[in-house]
Amino acid sequence: MDILYLLIPLSVVLVFLIGALFWWSVRSGQFDDLEGPGHRILDDD
């Protein structure tokens, strides 16, 4: 039972950390163009 006092806050902090990293990646444009690089390889200029 004592381990739950450690694991529950640790998991909440981990969820917020993952959420913050995901929010940062969306805001910085990491997911804007997922198909562009694949098409750019096929286009030979």
Protein backbone atom coordinates (compact mmCIF):
# COMPACT_ATOMS: atom_id res chain seq x y z
CA MET A 1 0.00 0.00 0.00
CA ASP A 2 2.86 2.38 0.73
CA ILE A 3 4.18 2.06 -2.81
CA LEU A 4 0.96 3.64 -4.12
CA TYR A 5 1.90 6.88 -2.36
CA LEU A 6 4.94 6.98 -4.64
CA LEU A 7 3.53 5.51 -7.86
CA ILE A 8 0.37 7.60 -8.18
CA PRO A 9 2.08 11.02 -7.98
CA LEU A 10 4.89 9.74 -10.19
CA SER A 11 2.43 8.63 -12.84
CA VAL A 12 0.57 11.96 -12.70
CA VAL A 13 3.85 13.83 -13.19
CA LEU A 14 4.75 11.53 -16.08
CA VAL A 15 1.37 12.12 -17.77
CA PHE A 16 1.81 15.89 -17.49
CA LEU A 17 5.37 15.65 -18.84
CA ILE A 18 4.28 13.59 -21.84
CA GLY A 19 1.36 15.96 -22.44
CA ALA A 20 3.65 18.99 -22.31
CA LEU A 21 6.09 17.40 -24.76
CA PHE A 22 3.25 16.52 -27.13
CA TRP A 23 1.82 20.04 -26.89
CA TRP A 24 5.25 21.52 -27.63
CA SER A 25 5.72 19.29 -30.67
CA VAL A 26 2.30 20.22 -32.08
CA ARG A 27 2.90 23.93 -31.47
CA SER A 28 6.37 23.87 -33.07
CA GLY A 29 5.09 22.29 -36.29
CA GLN A 30 6.41 18.76 -35.99
CA PHE A 31 3.18 17.27 -37.41
CA ASP A 32 2.42 19.85 -40.11
CA ASP A 33 3.47 17.97 -43.26
CA LEU A 34 3.75 14.21 -42.86
CA GLU A 35 3.57 13.29 -46.56
CA GLY A 36 5.75 16.03 -48.05
CA PRO A 37 9.17 14.43 -47.45
CA GLY A 38 8.00 11.16 -48.98
CA HIS A 39 6.85 12.91 -52.14
CA ARG A 40 9.97 15.07 -52.25
CA ILE A 41 12.15 11.96 -52.58
CA LEU A 42 10.24 10.88 -55.70
CA ASP A 43 10.44 14.30 -57.39
CA ASP A 44 13.75 14.58 -59.22
CA ASP A 45 14.52 18.15 -60.20
